[in-house]
């Protein structure tokens, strides 16, 4: 059974992580797709398998400014982890919350930042 646990949207694609349980084995699938709407072509579309959510998420966290994209969904099981990673990333890059502009409302809605 597959279950969505994390999803980001952007104008040119999406990044998502699904949790899959088969015969008591849990794995996480990272889906990456990029689309060029002007050329109307797929630039990349692949799936990578991970043993845990943290490794799958770090693939995104290390490569993309995901906090500036549209955070569409975070499963309750991973909200605390993603929230802590957001705070660490902002602190590391010295990015104040005020620089997130309109992304802040969305991040707060999905991650309960004020809690």
PDB file of N, CA and C in Angstrom:
ATOM      1  N   UNK A   1       0.836  -1.180   0.000  1.00  0.00           N
ATOM      2  CA  UNK A   1       0.000   0.000   0.000  1.00  0.00           C
ATOM      3  C   UNK A   1       0.885   1.249   0.000  1.00  0.00           C
ATOM      4  N   UNK A   2       0.582   2.188  -0.886  1.00  0.00           N
ATOM      5  CA  UNK A   2       1.324   3.446  -0.960  1.00  0.00           C
ATOM      6  C   UNK A   2       0.524   4.550  -0.287  1.00  0.00           C
ATOM      7  N   UNK A   3       1.266   5.451   0.356  1.00  0.00           N
ATOM      8  CA  UNK A   3       0.636   6.564   1.061  1.00  0.00           C
ATOM      9  C   UNK A   3       1.494   7.812   0.867  1.00  0.00           C
ATOM     10  N   UNK A   4       0.891   8.897   0.447  1.00  0.00           N
ATOM     11  CA  UNK A   4       1.599  10.159   0.285  1.00  0.00           C
ATOM     12  C   UNK A   4       2.021  10.680   1.650  1.00  0.00           C
ATOM     13  N   UNK A   5       3.305  11.087   1.770  1.00  0.00           N
ATOM     14  CA  UNK A   5       3.771  11.633   3.046  1.00  0.00           C
ATOM     15  C   UNK A   5       4.357  13.034   2.912  1.00  0.00           C
ATOM     16  N   UNK A   6       4.738  13.441   1.686  1.00  0.00           N
ATOM     17  CA  UNK A   6       5.311  14.777   1.491  1.00  0.00           C
ATOM     18  C   UNK A   6       5.145  15.146   0.027  1.00  0.00           C
ATOM     19  N   UNK A   7       4.740  16.408  -0.222  1.00  0.00           N
ATOM     20  CA  UNK A   7       4.577  16.836  -1.610  1.00  0.00           C
ATOM     21  C   UNK A   7       4.827  18.329  -1.739  1.00  0.00           C
ATOM     22  N   UNK A   8       5.652  18.678  -2.733  1.00  0.00           N
ATOM     23  CA  UNK A   8       5.935  20.063  -3.104  1.00  0.00           C
ATOM     24  C   UNK A   8       5.484  20.282  -4.538  1.00  0.00           C
ATOM     25  N   UNK A   9       4.959  21.459  -4.806  1.00  0.00           N
ATOM     26  CA  UNK A   9       4.544  21.813  -6.162  1.00  0.00           C
ATOM     27  C   UNK A   9       5.286  23.063  -6.609  1.00  0.00           C
ATOM     28  N   UNK A  10       5.565  23.134  -7.895  1.00  0.00           N
ATOM     29  CA  UNK A  10       6.134  24.346  -8.477  1.00  0.00           C
ATOM     30  C   UNK A  10       5.574  24.479  -9.885  1.00  0.00           C
ATOM     31  N   UNK A  11       5.858  25.589 -10.514  1.00  0.00           N
ATOM     32  CA  UNK A  11       5.335  25.809 -11.862  1.00  0.00           C
ATOM     33  C   UNK A  11       5.882  24.789 -12.852  1.00  0.00           C
ATOM     34  N   UNK A  12       7.072  24.270 -12.567  1.00  0.00           N
ATOM     35  CA  UNK A  12       7.700  23.360 -13.514  1.00  0.00           C
ATOM     36  C   UNK A  12       7.799  21.927 -13.044  1.00  0.00           C
ATOM     37  N   UNK A  13       6.938  21.514 -12.128  1.00  0.00           N
ATOM     38  CA  UNK A  13       6.982  20.117 -11.715  1.00  0.00           C
ATOM     39  C   UNK A  13       6.575  19.901 -10.277  1.00  0.00           C
ATOM     40  N   UNK A  14       6.967  18.755  -9.763  1.00  0.00           N
ATOM     41  CA  UNK A  14       6.639  18.428  -8.377  1.00  0.00           C
ATOM     42  C   UNK A  14       7.675  17.465  -7.809  1.00  0.00           C
ATOM     43  N   UNK A  15       7.759  17.458  -6.491  1.00  0.00           N
ATOM     44  CA  UNK A  15       8.605  16.539  -5.745  1.00  0.00           C
ATOM     45  C   UNK A  15       7.710  15.916  -4.693  1.00  0.00           C
ATOM     46  N   UNK A  16       7.718  14.598  -4.602  1.00  0.00           N
ATOM     47  CA  UNK A  16       6.884  13.975  -3.575  1.00  0.00           C
ATOM     48  C   UNK A  16       7.549  12.718  -3.042  1.00  0.00           C
ATOM     49  N   UNK A  17       7.150  12.378  -1.831  1.00  0.00           N
ATOM     50  CA  UNK A  17       7.634  11.167  -1.180  1.00  0.00           C
ATOM     51  C   UNK A  17       6.418  10.357  -0.764  1.00  0.00           C
ATOM     52  N   UNK A  18       6.437   9.091  -1.126  1.00  0.00           N
ATOM     53  CA  UNK A  18       5.374   8.175  -0.714  1.00  0.00           C
ATOM     54  C   UNK A  18       5.973   7.089   0.170  1.00  0.00           C
ATOM     55  N   UNK A  19       5.201   6.658   1.146  1.00  0.00           N
ATOM     56  CA  UNK A  19       5.587   5.528   1.992  1.00  0.00           C
ATOM     57  C   UNK A  19       4.876   4.298   1.442  1.00  0.00           C
ATOM     58  N   UNK A  20       5.619   3.217   1.294  1.00  0.00           N
ATOM     59  CA  UNK A  20       5.040   1.979   0.779  1.00  0.00           C
ATOM     60  C   UNK A  20       5.325   0.836   1.751  1.00  0.00           C
ATOM     61  N   UNK A  21       4.281   0.102   2.096  1.00  0.00           N
ATOM     62  CA  UNK A  21       4.406  -1.068   2.967  1.00  0.00           C
ATOM     63  C   UNK A  21       3.999  -2.306   2.188  1.00  0.00           C
ATOM     64  N   UNK A  22       4.926  -3.234   2.066  1.00  0.00           N
ATOM     65  CA  UNK A  22       4.665  -4.518   1.409  1.00  0.00           C
ATOM     66  C   UNK A  22       5.248  -5.626   2.268  1.00  0.00           C
ATOM     67  N   UNK A  23       4.413  -6.537   2.701  1.00  0.00           N
ATOM     68  CA  UNK A  23       4.890  -7.682   3.483  1.00  0.00           C
ATOM     69  C   UNK A  23       5.771  -7.256   4.653  1.00  0.00           C
ATOM     70  N   UNK A  24       5.343  -6.287   5.390  1.00  0.00           N
ATOM     71  CA  UNK A  24       6.021  -5.779   6.583  1.00  0.00           C
ATOM     72  C   UNK A  24       7.347  -5.087   6.287  1.00  0.00           C
ATOM     73  N   UNK A  25       7.609  -4.764   5.038  1.00  0.00           N
ATOM     74  CA  UNK A  25       8.806  -4.016   4.665  1.00  0.00           C
ATOM     75  C   UNK A  25       8.364  -2.616   4.268  1.00  0.00           C
ATOM     76  N   UNK A  26       8.944  -1.620   4.930  1.00  0.00           N
ATOM     77  CA  UNK A  26       8.589  -0.231   4.637  1.00  0.00           C
ATOM     78  C   UNK A  26       9.705   0.406   3.823  1.00  0.00           C
ATOM     79  N   UNK A  27       9.317   1.128   2.771  1.00  0.00           N
ATOM     80  CA  UNK A  27      10.281   1.887   1.983  1.00  0.00           C
ATOM     81  C   UNK A  27       9.641   3.204   1.584  1.00  0.00           C
ATOM     82  N   UNK A  28      10.480   4.127   1.159  1.00  0.00           N
ATOM     83  CA  UNK A  28      10.020   5.456   0.778  1.00  0.00           C
ATOM     84  C   UNK A  28      10.442   5.728  -0.655  1.00  0.00           C
ATOM     85  N   UNK A  29       9.499   6.180  -1.450  1.00  0.00           N
ATOM     86  CA  UNK A  29       9.728   6.448  -2.861  1.00  0.00           C
ATOM     87  C   UNK A  29       9.712   7.953  -3.098  1.00  0.00           C
ATOM     88  N   UNK A  30      10.817   8.447  -3.637  1.00  0.00           N
ATOM     89  CA  UNK A  30      10.953   9.870  -3.956  1.00  0.00           C
ATOM     90  C   UNK A  30      10.692  10.040  -5.450  1.00  0.00           C
ATOM     91  N   UNK A  31       9.645  10.782  -5.777  1.00  0.00           N
ATOM     92  CA  UNK A  31       9.265  11.052  -7.165  1.00  0.00           C
ATOM     93  C   UNK A  31       9.700  12.470  -7.522  1.00  0.00           C
ATOM     94  N   UNK A  32      10.432  12.578  -8.607  1.00  0.00           N
ATOM     95  CA  UNK A  32      10.942  13.871  -9.058  1.00  0.00           C
ATOM     96  C   UNK A  32      10.524  14.055 -10.511  1.00  0.00           C
ATOM     97  N   UNK A  33       9.807  15.145 -10.776  1.00  0.00           N
ATOM     98  CA  UNK A  33       9.506  15.430 -12.178  1.00  0.00           C
ATOM     99  C   UNK A  33       9.596  16.924 -12.437  1.00  0.00           C
ATOM    100  N   UNK A  34      10.179  17.233 -13.569  1.00  0.00           N
ATOM    101  CA  UNK A  34      10.311  18.623 -14.015  1.00  0.00           C
ATOM    102  C   UNK A  34       9.755  18.719 -15.429  1.00  0.00           C
ATOM    103  N   UNK A  35       9.021  19.797 -15.655  1.00  0.00           N
ATOM    104  CA  UNK A  35       8.349  20.001 -16.932  1.00  0.00           C
ATOM    105  C   UNK A  35       8.624  21.415 -17.403  1.00  0.00           C
ATOM    106  N   UNK A  36       8.920  21.563 -18.679  1.00  0.00           N
ATOM    107  CA  UNK A  36       9.105  22.883 -19.278  1.00  0.00           C
ATOM    108  C   UNK A  36       7.820  23.238 -20.018  1.00  0.00           C
ATOM    109  N   UNK A  37       6.989  24.136 -19.445  1.00  0.00           N
ATOM    110  CA  UNK A  37       5.715  24.459 -20.087  1.00  0.00           C
ATOM    111  C   UNK A  37       5.869  25.198 -21.413  1.00  0.00           C
ATOM    112  N   UNK A  38       6.979  25.899 -21.596  1.00  0.00           N
ATOM    113  CA  UNK A  38       7.186  26.626 -22.850  1.00  0.00           C
ATOM    114  C   UNK A  38       7.491  25.637 -23.980  1.00  0.00           C
ATOM    115  N   UNK A  39       8.419  24.741 -23.722  1.00  0.00           N
ATOM    116  CA  UNK A  39       8.780  23.746 -24.737  1.00  0.00           C
ATOM    117  C   UNK A  39       7.816  22.563 -24.730  1.00  0.00           C
ATOM    118  N   UNK A  40       6.945  22.523 -23.724  1.00  0.00           N
ATOM    119  CA  UNK A  40       5.988  21.429 -23.554  1.00  0.00           C
ATOM    120  C   UNK A  40       6.679  20.067 -23.570  1.00  0.00           C
ATOM    121  N   UNK A  41       7.727  19.961 -22.739  1.00  0.00           N
ATOM    122  CA  UNK A  41       8.435  18.690 -22.663  1.00  0.00           C
ATOM    123  C   UNK A  41       8.827  18.374 -21.224  1.00  0.00           C
ATOM    124  N   UNK A  42       8.924  17.097 -20.948  1.00  0.00           N
ATOM    125  CA  UNK A  42       9.355  16.636 -19.634  1.00  0.00           C
ATOM    126  C   UNK A  42      10.875  16.693 -19.594  1.00  0.00           C
ATOM    127  N   UNK A  43      11.409  17.389 -18.600  1.00  0.00           N
ATOM    128  CA  UNK A  43      12.852  17.514 -18.464  1.00  0.00           C
ATOM    129  C   UNK A  43      13.438  16.362 -17.658  1.00  0.00           C
ATOM    130  N   UNK A  44      12.730  15.946 -16.646  1.00  0.00           N
ATOM    131  CA  UNK A  44      13.161  14.777 -15.868  1.00  0.00           C
ATOM    132  C   UNK A  44      11.957  14.167 -15.173  1.00  0.00           C
ATOM    133  N   UNK A  45      12.020  12.865 -15.027  1.00  0.00           N
ATOM    134  CA  UNK A  45      10.930  12.133 -14.388  1.00  0.00           C
ATOM    135  C   UNK A  45      11.513  10.814 -13.890  1.00  0.00           C
ATOM    136  N   UNK A  46      11.751  10.734 -12.580  1.00  0.00           N
ATOM    137  CA  UNK A  46      12.344   9.512 -12.053  1.00  0.00           C
ATOM    138  C   UNK A  46      11.875   9.246 -10.631  1.00  0.00           C
ATOM    139  N   UNK A  47      12.100   8.020 -10.185  1.00  0.00           N
ATOM    140  CA  UNK A  47      11.736   7.577  -8.840  1.00  0.00           C
ATOM    141  C   UNK A  47      12.979   6.964  -8.206  1.00  0.00           C
ATOM    142  N   UNK A  48      13.245   7.344  -6.950  1.00  0.00           N
ATOM    143  CA  UNK A  48      14.356   6.775  -6.194  1.00  0.00           C
ATOM    144  C   UNK A  48      13.810   6.181  -4.907  1.00  0.00           C
ATOM    145  N   UNK A  49      14.309   5.015  -4.555  1.00  0.00           N
ATOM    146  CA  UNK A  49      13.837   4.310  -3.361  1.00  0.00           C
ATOM    147  C   UNK A  49      14.792   4.544  -2.186  1.00  0.00           C
ATOM    148  N   UNK A  50      14.211   4.773  -1.006  1.00  0.00           N
ATOM    149  CA  UNK A  50      14.980   4.976   0.229  1.00  0.00           C
ATOM    150  C   UNK A  50      14.430   4.079   1.329  1.00  0.00           C
ATOM    151  N   UNK A  51      15.267   3.790   2.307  1.00  0.00           N
ATOM    152  CA  UNK A  51      14.848   2.959   3.435  1.00  0.00           C
ATOM    153  C   UNK A  51      14.079   3.740   4.482  1.00  0.00           C
ATOM    154  N   UNK A  52      14.241   5.081   4.480  1.00  0.00           N
ATOM    155  CA  UNK A  52      13.557   5.888   5.492  1.00  0.00           C
ATOM    156  C   UNK A  52      13.189   7.255   4.926  1.00  0.00           C
ATOM    157  N   UNK A  53      12.270   7.908   5.602  1.00  0.00           N
ATOM    158  CA  UNK A  53      11.800   9.216   5.166  1.00  0.00           C
ATOM    159  C   UNK A  53      12.912  10.251   5.216  1.00  0.00           C
ATOM    160  N   UNK A  54      13.713  10.212   6.276  1.00  0.00           N
ATOM    161  CA  UNK A  54      14.744  11.225   6.473  1.00  0.00           C
ATOM    162  C   UNK A  54      15.718  11.290   5.298  1.00  0.00           C
ATOM    163  N   UNK A  55      16.171  10.150   4.807  1.00  0.00           N
ATOM    164  CA  UNK A  55      17.090  10.152   3.663  1.00  0.00           C
ATOM    165  C   UNK A  55      16.416  10.691   2.400  1.00  0.00           C
ATOM    166  N   UNK A  56      15.175  10.307   2.183  1.00  0.00           N
ATOM    167  CA  UNK A  56      14.440  10.818   1.017  1.00  0.00           C
ATOM    168  C   UNK A  56      14.270  12.331   1.119  1.00  0.00           C
ATOM    169  N   UNK A  57      13.891  12.808   2.302  1.00  0.00           N
ATOM    170  CA  UNK A  57      13.696  14.242   2.484  1.00  0.00           C
ATOM    171  C   UNK A  57      15.008  15.008   2.313  1.00  0.00           C
ATOM    172  N   UNK A  58      16.107  14.467   2.823  1.00  0.00           N
ATOM    173  CA  UNK A  58      17.391  15.166   2.709  1.00  0.00           C
ATOM    174  C   UNK A  58      17.835  15.315   1.262  1.00  0.00           C
ATOM    175  N   UNK A  59      17.404  14.423   0.390  1.00  0.00           N
ATOM    176  CA  UNK A  59      17.684  14.579  -1.039  1.00  0.00           C
ATOM    177  C   UNK A  59      17.090  15.894  -1.539  1.00  0.00           C
ATOM    178  N   UNK A  60      15.897  16.204  -1.097  1.00  0.00           N
ATOM    179  CA  UNK A  60      15.235  17.461  -1.460  1.00  0.00           C
ATOM    180  C   UNK A  60      15.874  18.627  -0.720  1.00  0.00           C
ATOM    181  N   UNK A  61      16.060  18.481   0.571  1.00  0.00           N
ATOM    182  CA  UNK A  61      16.556  19.559   1.426  1.00  0.00           C
ATOM    183  C   UNK A  61      17.942  20.050   1.002  1.00  0.00           C
ATOM    184  N   UNK A  62      18.788  19.160   0.543  1.00  0.00           N
ATOM    185  CA  UNK A  62      20.153  19.532   0.154  1.00  0.00           C
ATOM    186  C   UNK A  62      20.224  20.158  -1.236  1.00  0.00           C
ATOM    187  N   UNK A  63      19.232  19.890  -2.062  1.00  0.00           N
ATOM    188  CA  UNK A  63      19.304  20.328  -3.460  1.00  0.00           C
ATOM    189  C   UNK A  63      18.398  21.516  -3.795  1.00  0.00           C
ATOM    190  N   UNK A  64      17.304  21.668  -3.073  1.00  0.00           N
ATOM    191  CA  UNK A  64      16.306  22.672  -3.457  1.00  0.00           C
ATOM    192  C   UNK A  64      15.946  23.593  -2.294  1.00  0.00           C
ATOM    193  N   UNK A  65      15.615  24.843  -2.597  1.00  0.00           N
ATOM    194  CA  UNK A  65      15.061  25.735  -1.564  1.00  0.00           C
ATOM    195  C   UNK A  65      13.562  25.441  -1.410  1.00  0.00           C
ATOM    196  N   UNK A  66      13.261  24.249  -0.943  1.00  0.00           N
ATOM    197  CA  UNK A  66      11.885  23.739  -0.895  1.00  0.00           C
ATOM    198  C   UNK A  66      10.948  24.645  -0.114  1.00  0.00           C
ATOM    199  N   UNK A  67      11.470  25.376   0.834  1.00  0.00           N
ATOM    200  CA  UNK A  67      10.662  26.283   1.648  1.00  0.00           C
ATOM    201  C   UNK A  67      10.170  27.479   0.836  1.00  0.00           C
ATOM    202  N   UNK A  68      10.686  27.662  -0.374  1.00  0.00           N
ATOM    203  CA  UNK A  68      10.215  28.729  -1.263  1.00  0.00           C
ATOM    204  C   UNK A  68       9.278  28.183  -2.346  1.00  0.00           C
ATOM    205  N   UNK A  69       9.041  26.890  -2.332  1.00  0.00           N
ATOM    206  CA  UNK A  69       8.085  26.263  -3.244  1.00  0.00           C
ATOM    207  C   UNK A  69       6.755  26.114  -2.512  1.00  0.00           C
ATOM    208  N   UNK A  70       5.770  25.603  -3.202  1.00  0.00           N
ATOM    209  CA  UNK A  70       4.457  25.430  -2.566  1.00  0.00           C
ATOM    210  C   UNK A  70       4.418  24.076  -1.860  1.00  0.00           C
ATOM    211  N   UNK A  71       4.434  24.122  -0.545  1.00  0.00           N
ATOM    212  CA  UNK A  71       4.326  22.900   0.251  1.00  0.00           C
ATOM    213  C   UNK A  71       2.869  22.477   0.243  1.00  0.00           C
ATOM    214  N   UNK A  72       2.596  21.390  -0.451  1.00  0.00           N
ATOM    215  CA  UNK A  72       1.222  20.945  -0.642  1.00  0.00           C
ATOM    216  C   UNK A  72       0.752  20.000   0.462  1.00  0.00           C
ATOM    217  N   UNK A  73       1.671  19.153   0.958  1.00  0.00           N
ATOM    218  CA  UNK A  73       1.239  18.170   1.950  1.00  0.00           C
ATOM    219  C   UNK A  73       2.421  17.649   2.753  1.00  0.00           C
ATOM    220  N   UNK A  74       2.206  17.505   4.064  1.00  0.00           N
ATOM    221  CA  UNK A  74       3.148  16.812   4.949  1.00  0.00           C
ATOM    222  C   UNK A  74       2.316  15.914   5.858  1.00  0.00           C
ATOM    223  N   UNK A  75       2.606  14.634   5.830  1.00  0.00           N
ATOM    224  CA  UNK A  75       1.899  13.678   6.683  1.00  0.00           C
ATOM    225  C   UNK A  75       2.181  14.002   8.149  1.00  0.00           C
ATOM    226  N   UNK A  76       1.200  13.803   8.969  1.00  0.00           N
ATOM    227  CA  UNK A  76       1.313  14.095  10.403  1.00  0.00           C
ATOM    228  C   UNK A  76       2.531  13.419  11.040  1.00  0.00           C
ATOM    229  N   UNK A  77       2.873  12.227  10.596  1.00  0.00           N
ATOM    230  CA  UNK A  77       4.016  11.494  11.159  1.00  0.00           C
ATOM    231  C   UNK A  77       5.346  12.206  10.939  1.00  0.00           C
ATOM    232  N   UNK A  78       5.408  13.117   9.965  1.00  0.00           N
ATOM    233  CA  UNK A  78       6.677  13.740   9.594  1.00  0.00           C
ATOM    234  C   UNK A  78       6.694  15.255   9.768  1.00  0.00           C
ATOM    235  N   UNK A  79       5.617  15.843  10.236  1.00  0.00           N
ATOM    236  CA  UNK A  79       5.552  17.303  10.397  1.00  0.00           C
ATOM    237  C   UNK A  79       6.641  17.830  11.315  1.00  0.00           C
ATOM    238  N   UNK A  80       6.830  17.182  12.445  1.00  0.00           N
ATOM    239  CA  UNK A  80       7.828  17.663  13.403  1.00  0.00           C
ATOM    240  C   UNK A  80       9.221  17.627  12.785  1.00  0.00           C
ATOM    241  N   UNK A  81       9.552  16.544  12.098  1.00  0.00           N
ATOM    242  CA  UNK A  81      10.867  16.428  11.459  1.00  0.00           C
ATOM    243  C   UNK A  81      11.059  17.517  10.402  1.00  0.00           C
ATOM    244  N   UNK A  82      10.078  17.708   9.530  1.00  0.00           N
ATOM    245  CA  UNK A  82      10.187  18.709   8.462  1.00  0.00           C
ATOM    246  C   UNK A  82      10.281  20.110   9.060  1.00  0.00           C
ATOM    247  N   UNK A  83       9.517  20.368  10.094  1.00  0.00           N
ATOM    248  CA  UNK A  83       9.557  21.670  10.772  1.00  0.00           C
ATOM    249  C   UNK A  83      10.956  21.933  11.334  1.00  0.00           C
ATOM    250  N   UNK A  84      11.545  20.953  12.007  1.00  0.00           N
ATOM    251  CA  UNK A  84      12.894  21.117  12.556  1.00  0.00           C
ATOM    252  C   UNK A  84      13.928  21.316  11.456  1.00  0.00           C
ATOM    253  N   UNK A  85      13.781  20.599  10.352  1.00  0.00           N
ATOM    254  CA  UNK A  85      14.704  20.765   9.227  1.00  0.00           C
ATOM    255  C   UNK A  85      14.563  22.145   8.597  1.00  0.00           C
ATOM    256  N   UNK A  86      13.344  22.651   8.529  1.00  0.00           N
ATOM    257  CA  UNK A  86      13.128  24.007   8.022  1.00  0.00           C
ATOM    258  C   UNK A  86      13.865  25.008   8.895  1.00  0.00           C
ATOM    259  N   UNK A  87      13.688  24.914  10.197  1.00  0.00           N
ATOM    260  CA  UNK A  87      14.339  25.847  11.118  1.00  0.00           C
ATOM    261  C   UNK A  87      15.861  25.748  11.033  1.00  0.00           C
ATOM    262  N   UNK A  88      16.399  24.534  10.932  1.00  0.00           N
ATOM    263  CA  UNK A  88      17.855  24.359  10.802  1.00  0.00           C
ATOM    264  C   UNK A  88      18.367  24.963   9.499  1.00  0.00           C
ATOM    265  N   UNK A  89      17.636  24.748   8.418  1.00  0.00           N
ATOM    266  CA  UNK A  89      18.049  25.262   7.115  1.00  0.00           C
ATOM    267  C   UNK A  89      18.031  26.783   7.091  1.00  0.00           C
ATOM    268  N   UNK A  90      16.973  27.377   7.620  1.00  0.00           N
ATOM    269  CA  UNK A  90      16.895  28.839   7.657  1.00  0.00           C
ATOM    270  C   UNK A  90      18.017  29.417   8.511  1.00  0.00           C
ATOM    271  N   UNK A  91      18.277  28.794   9.645  1.00  0.00           N
ATOM    272  CA  UNK A  91      19.345  29.259  10.537  1.00  0.00           C
ATOM    273  C   UNK A  91      20.705  29.125   9.844  1.00  0.00           C
ATOM    274  N   UNK A  92      20.944  27.996   9.201  1.00  0.00           N
ATOM    275  CA  UNK A  92      22.218  27.742   8.522  1.00  0.00           C
ATOM    276  C   UNK A  92      22.484  28.773   7.419  1.00  0.00           C
ATOM    277  N   UNK A  93      21.463  29.103   6.658  1.00  0.00           N
ATOM    278  CA  UNK A  93      21.608  30.063   5.553  1.00  0.00           C
ATOM    279  C   UNK A  93      21.314  31.498   5.990  1.00  0.00           C
ATOM    280  N   UNK A  94      21.055  31.685   7.276  1.00  0.00           N
ATOM    281  CA  UNK A  94      20.751  33.003   7.851  1.00  0.00           C
ATOM    282  C   UNK A  94      19.602  33.697   7.114  1.00  0.00           C
ATOM    283  N   UNK A  95      18.535  32.955   6.925  1.00  0.00           N
ATOM    284  CA  UNK A  95      17.347  33.475   6.250  1.00  0.00           C
ATOM    285  C   UNK A  95      16.297  33.785   7.309  1.00  0.00           C
ATOM    286  N   UNK A  96      15.931  35.061   7.471  1.00  0.00           N
ATOM    287  CA  UNK A  96      14.874  35.381   8.441  1.00  0.00           C
ATOM    288  C   UNK A  96      13.497  34.986   7.893  1.00  0.00           C
ATOM    289  N   UNK A  97      12.584  34.708   8.803  1.00  0.00           N
ATOM    290  CA  UNK A  97      11.222  34.353   8.386  1.00  0.00           C
ATOM    291  C   UNK A  97      10.623  35.421   7.474  1.00  0.00           C
ATOM    292  N   UNK A  98      10.962  36.669   7.719  1.00  0.00           N
ATOM    293  CA  UNK A  98      10.393  37.759   6.918  1.00  0.00           C
ATOM    294  C   UNK A  98      10.773  37.649   5.440  1.00  0.00           C
ATOM    295  N   UNK A  99      11.872  36.977   5.127  1.00  0.00           N
ATOM    296  CA  UNK A  99      12.283  36.805   3.727  1.00  0.00           C
ATOM    297  C   UNK A  99      11.432  35.783   2.977  1.00  0.00           C
ATOM    298  N   UNK A 100      10.644  35.018   3.703  1.00  0.00           N
ATOM    299  CA  UNK A 100       9.825  33.996   3.054  1.00  0.00           C
ATOM    300  C   UNK A 100       8.543  34.563   2.458  1.00  0.00           C
ATOM    301  N   UNK A 101       8.237  35.810   2.786  1.00  0.00           N
ATOM    302  CA  UNK A 101       7.077  36.510   2.238  1.00  0.00           C
ATOM    303  C   UNK A 101       5.816  35.660   2.246  1.00  0.00           C
ATOM    304  N   UNK A 102       5.220  35.462   1.075  1.00  0.00           N
ATOM    305  CA  UNK A 102       3.943  34.752   0.995  1.00  0.00           C
ATOM    306  C   UNK A 102       4.063  33.257   1.258  1.00  0.00           C
ATOM    307  N   UNK A 103       5.259  32.705   1.291  1.00  0.00           N
ATOM    308  CA  UNK A 103       5.434  31.280   1.598  1.00  0.00           C
ATOM    309  C   UNK A 103       5.180  30.991   3.075  1.00  0.00           C
ATOM    310  N   UNK A 104       5.345  31.995   3.903  1.00  0.00           N
ATOM    311  CA  UNK A 104       5.240  31.797   5.345  1.00  0.00           C
ATOM    312  C   UNK A 104       3.860  31.311   5.770  1.00  0.00           C
ATOM    313  N   UNK A 105       2.801  31.874   5.198  1.00  0.00           N
ATOM    314  CA  UNK A 105       1.441  31.434   5.543  1.00  0.00           C
ATOM    315  C   UNK A 105       1.234  29.963   5.189  1.00  0.00           C
ATOM    316  N   UNK A 106       1.707  29.575   4.020  1.00  0.00           N
ATOM    317  CA  UNK A 106       1.571  28.184   3.591  1.00  0.00           C
ATOM    318  C   UNK A 106       2.379  27.252   4.496  1.00  0.00           C
ATOM    319  N   UNK A 107       3.617  27.633   4.806  1.00  0.00           N
ATOM    320  CA  UNK A 107       4.448  26.809   5.686  1.00  0.00           C
ATOM    321  C   UNK A 107       3.813  26.677   7.066  1.00  0.00           C
ATOM    322  N   UNK A 108       3.293  27.777   7.572  1.00  0.00           N
ATOM    323  CA  UNK A 108       2.645  27.738   8.885  1.00  0.00           C
ATOM    324  C   UNK A 108       1.410  26.841   8.854  1.00  0.00           C
ATOM    325  N   UNK A 109       0.656  26.933   7.787  1.00  0.00           N
ATOM    326  CA  UNK A 109      -0.547  26.111   7.645  1.00  0.00           C
ATOM    327  C   UNK A 109      -0.212  24.615   7.625  1.00  0.00           C
ATOM    328  N   UNK A 110       0.845  24.245   6.910  1.00  0.00           N
ATOM    329  CA  UNK A 110       1.192  22.828   6.759  1.00  0.00           C
ATOM    330  C   UNK A 110       2.027  22.276   7.915  1.00  0.00           C
ATOM    331  N   UNK A 111       2.831  23.150   8.568  1.00  0.00           N
ATOM    332  CA  UNK A 111       3.763  22.666   9.590  1.00  0.00           C
ATOM    333  C   UNK A 111       3.457  23.154  11.002  1.00  0.00           C
ATOM    334  N   UNK A 112       2.423  23.954  11.168  1.00  0.00           N
ATOM    335  CA  UNK A 112       2.081  24.491  12.493  1.00  0.00           C
ATOM    336  C   UNK A 112       3.288  25.182  13.132  1.00  0.00           C
ATOM    337  N   UNK A 113       3.878  26.133  12.427  1.00  0.00           N
ATOM    338  CA  UNK A 113       5.083  26.799  12.907  1.00  0.00           C
ATOM    339  C   UNK A 113       4.884  27.539  14.220  1.00  0.00           C
ATOM    340  N   UNK A 114       3.700  28.020  14.449  1.00  0.00           N
ATOM    341  CA  UNK A 114       3.454  28.795  15.668  1.00  0.00           C
ATOM    342  C   UNK A 114       3.251  27.902  16.886  1.00  0.00           C
ATOM    343  N   UNK A 115       3.124  26.605  16.670  1.00  0.00           N
ATOM    344  CA  UNK A 115       2.904  25.678  17.796  1.00  0.00           C
ATOM    345  C   UNK A 115       4.206  25.347  18.488  1.00  0.00           C
TER     346      UNK A 115
END
